[in-house]
Amino acid sequence: MLDKYNYTDEPSGRTETLAKALEKCELLEKQLSVAMEALEEIEKNGVDNAVQTITTLCINNWLCAHKALKEIEALEK
């Protein structure tokens, strides 16, 4: 998932490498935020809806995770 590190020894190579690294860090930060929100929602589902059947809880958690994965994938485009 992570791109291989590529440093070119050119006058602008170091600056360009740092800019790319910063862009990748910003993308990963956004993706982590989406994942954390999804995990918090899944945790909340288990606490708030303790009376739900296991099947319903599993479906709700799957839907939450699926939505988060789609958002993370969209950020990479």
Protein backbone atom coordinates (compact mmCIF):
# COMPACT_ATOMS: atom_id res chain seq x y z
CA MET A 1 0.00 0.00 0.00
CA LEU A 2 2.88 2.41 0.73
CA ASP A 3 4.90 3.63 -2.21
CA LYS A 4 8.55 2.72 -2.33
CA TYR A 5 10.87 5.57 -1.27
CA ASN A 6 12.51 7.21 -4.28
CA TYR A 7 15.13 9.92 -3.86
CA THR A 8 16.69 11.44 -6.94
CA ASP A 9 19.98 13.23 -6.46
CA GLU A 10 19.06 16.33 -8.42
CA PRO A 11 19.04 19.95 -7.30
CA SER A 12 15.27 19.83 -6.79
CA GLY A 13 15.21 16.16 -5.79
CA ARG A 14 15.31 16.74 -2.04
CA THR A 15 12.54 19.36 -2.07
CA GLU A 16 10.40 17.25 -4.35
CA THR A 17 10.93 14.18 -2.17
CA LEU A 18 9.91 16.13 0.94
CA ALA A 19 6.83 17.53 -0.80
CA LYS A 20 5.76 14.03 -1.88
CA ALA A 21 6.35 12.70 1.64
CA LEU A 22 4.22 15.51 3.09
CA GLU A 23 1.41 14.80 0.60
CA LYS A 24 1.52 11.09 1.50
CA CYS A 25 1.42 11.91 5.23
CA GLU A 26 -1.60 14.15 4.71
CA LEU A 27 -3.40 11.40 2.75
CA LEU A 28 -2.61 8.82 5.43
CA GLU A 29 -3.85 11.21 8.11
CA LYS A 30 -7.19 11.59 6.29
CA GLN A 31 -7.47 7.82 5.79
CA LEU A 32 -6.70 7.18 9.46
CA SER A 33 -9.36 9.69 10.45
CA VAL A 34 -11.98 7.86 8.36
CA ALA A 35 -10.93 4.52 9.86
CA MET A 36 -11.06 5.89 13.43
CA GLU A 37 -14.56 7.30 12.87
CA ALA A 38 -15.72 3.92 11.57
CA LEU A 39 -14.24 2.06 14.52
CA GLU A 40 -15.85 4.50 16.94
CA GLU A 41 -19.21 3.97 15.20
CA ILE A 42 -18.80 0.19 15.40
CA GLU A 43 -17.93 0.44 19.09
CA LYS A 44 -20.97 2.68 19.68
CA ASN A 45 -23.23 0.19 17.86
CA GLY A 46 -22.25 -2.53 20.30
CA VAL A 47 -22.89 -0.36 23.36
CA ASP A 48 -26.03 1.50 22.34
CA ASN A 49 -27.78 -1.44 20.76
CA ALA A 50 -26.99 -4.27 23.15
CA VAL A 51 -30.48 -5.73 22.61
CA GLN A 52 -29.95 -6.19 18.87
CA THR A 53 -29.56 -9.64 17.48
CA ILE A 54 -26.01 -10.69 16.65
CA THR A 55 -26.91 -10.82 12.94
CA THR A 56 -28.16 -7.23 12.89
CA LEU A 57 -25.12 -6.03 14.79
CA CYS A 58 -22.77 -7.83 12.38
CA ILE A 59 -24.55 -6.37 9.35
CA ASN A 60 -24.45 -2.85 10.80
CA ASN A 61 -20.74 -3.19 11.59
CA TRP A 62 -20.01 -4.56 8.13
CA LEU A 63 -21.87 -1.66 6.49
CA CYS A 64 -19.96 0.85 8.60
CA ALA A 65 -16.61 -0.77 7.72
CA HIS A 66 -17.55 -1.04 4.04
CA LYS A 67 -18.46 2.65 3.88
CA ALA A 68 -15.18 3.61 5.56
CA LEU A 69 -13.15 1.50 3.13
CA LYS A 70 -14.88 3.12 0.15
CA GLU A 71 -14.10 6.59 1.57
CA ILE A 72 -10.45 5.61 2.11
CA GLU A 73 -10.19 4.27 -1.44
CA ALA A 74 -11.75 7.47 -2.81
CA LEU A 75 -9.09 9.56 -1.06
CA GLU A 76 -6.37 7.74 -3.03
CA LYS A 77 -7.83 8.82 -6.37
